């Protein structure tokens, strides 16, 4: 799960650079900002689960 968390962090960083860096304009900007926050939230959840629950199970 930590590997998935790292993947979502990378995805969130790429989307953050594109949206907050001003490289994308219009409706795509709004969608990209929402996707950034969703990917960041998923990364945090997976990272926490990977450090707590996954280690307890294995």
Protein backbone atom coordinates (compact mmCIF):
# COMPACT_ATOMS: atom_id res chain seq x y z
CA UNK A 1 0.00 0.00 0.00
CA UNK A 2 2.88 2.33 0.58
CA UNK A 3 3.87 1.85 -3.07
CA UNK A 4 0.38 2.95 -4.12
CA UNK A 5 0.64 5.94 -1.82
CA UNK A 6 3.91 6.94 -3.44
CA UNK A 7 2.31 6.57 -6.86
CA UNK A 8 -0.58 8.84 -5.87
CA UNK A 9 1.87 11.38 -4.45
CA UNK A 10 3.66 11.48 -7.79
CA UNK A 11 0.34 11.87 -9.63
CA UNK A 12 -0.72 14.65 -7.25
CA UNK A 13 2.58 16.48 -7.71
CA UNK A 14 2.28 16.34 -11.51
CA UNK A 15 -1.30 17.59 -11.37
CA UNK A 16 -0.31 20.29 -8.90
CA UNK A 17 2.47 21.54 -11.15
CA UNK A 18 0.14 21.64 -14.13
CA UNK A 19 -2.76 23.33 -12.36
CA UNK A 20 -1.10 25.65 -9.84
CA UNK A 21 1.80 26.46 -12.15
CA UNK A 22 -0.50 28.07 -14.69
CA UNK A 23 0.22 25.64 -17.52
CA UNK A 24 -3.45 24.75 -17.97
CA UNK A 25 -6.31 27.23 -18.44
CA UNK A 26 -10.09 27.14 -18.62
CA UNK A 27 -12.33 24.32 -17.52
CA UNK A 28 -9.41 21.89 -17.43
CA UNK A 29 -7.88 23.97 -14.65
CA UNK A 30 -10.86 23.46 -12.35
CA UNK A 31 -10.99 19.74 -13.07
CA UNK A 32 -7.24 19.38 -12.55
CA UNK A 33 -7.37 21.16 -9.19
CA UNK A 34 -10.15 18.84 -7.99
CA UNK A 35 -8.23 15.79 -9.22
CA UNK A 36 -5.11 17.08 -7.41
CA UNK A 37 -6.90 17.22 -4.06
CA UNK A 38 -8.52 13.82 -4.63
CA UNK A 39 -5.16 12.22 -5.47
CA UNK A 40 -3.53 13.90 -2.48
CA UNK A 41 -6.28 12.62 -0.15
CA UNK A 42 -6.01 9.08 -1.55
CA UNK A 43 -2.23 9.18 -1.12
CA UNK A 44 -2.55 10.23 2.52
CA UNK A 45 -5.14 7.54 3.28
CA UNK A 46 -3.11 4.81 1.58
CA UNK A 47 0.07 5.91 3.33
CA UNK A 48 -1.56 5.82 6.75
CA UNK A 49 -3.20 2.46 6.04
CA UNK A 50 0.06 1.09 4.69
CA UNK A 51 1.91 2.03 7.86
CA UNK A 52 -0.75 0.82 10.30
CA UNK A 53 -3.23 -1.77 9.09
CA UNK A 54 -1.17 -3.50 6.42
CA UNK A 55 1.75 -4.17 8.78
CA UNK A 56 -0.61 -5.48 11.44
CA UNK A 57 -2.14 -8.00 9.02
CA UNK A 58 1.12 -9.33 7.57
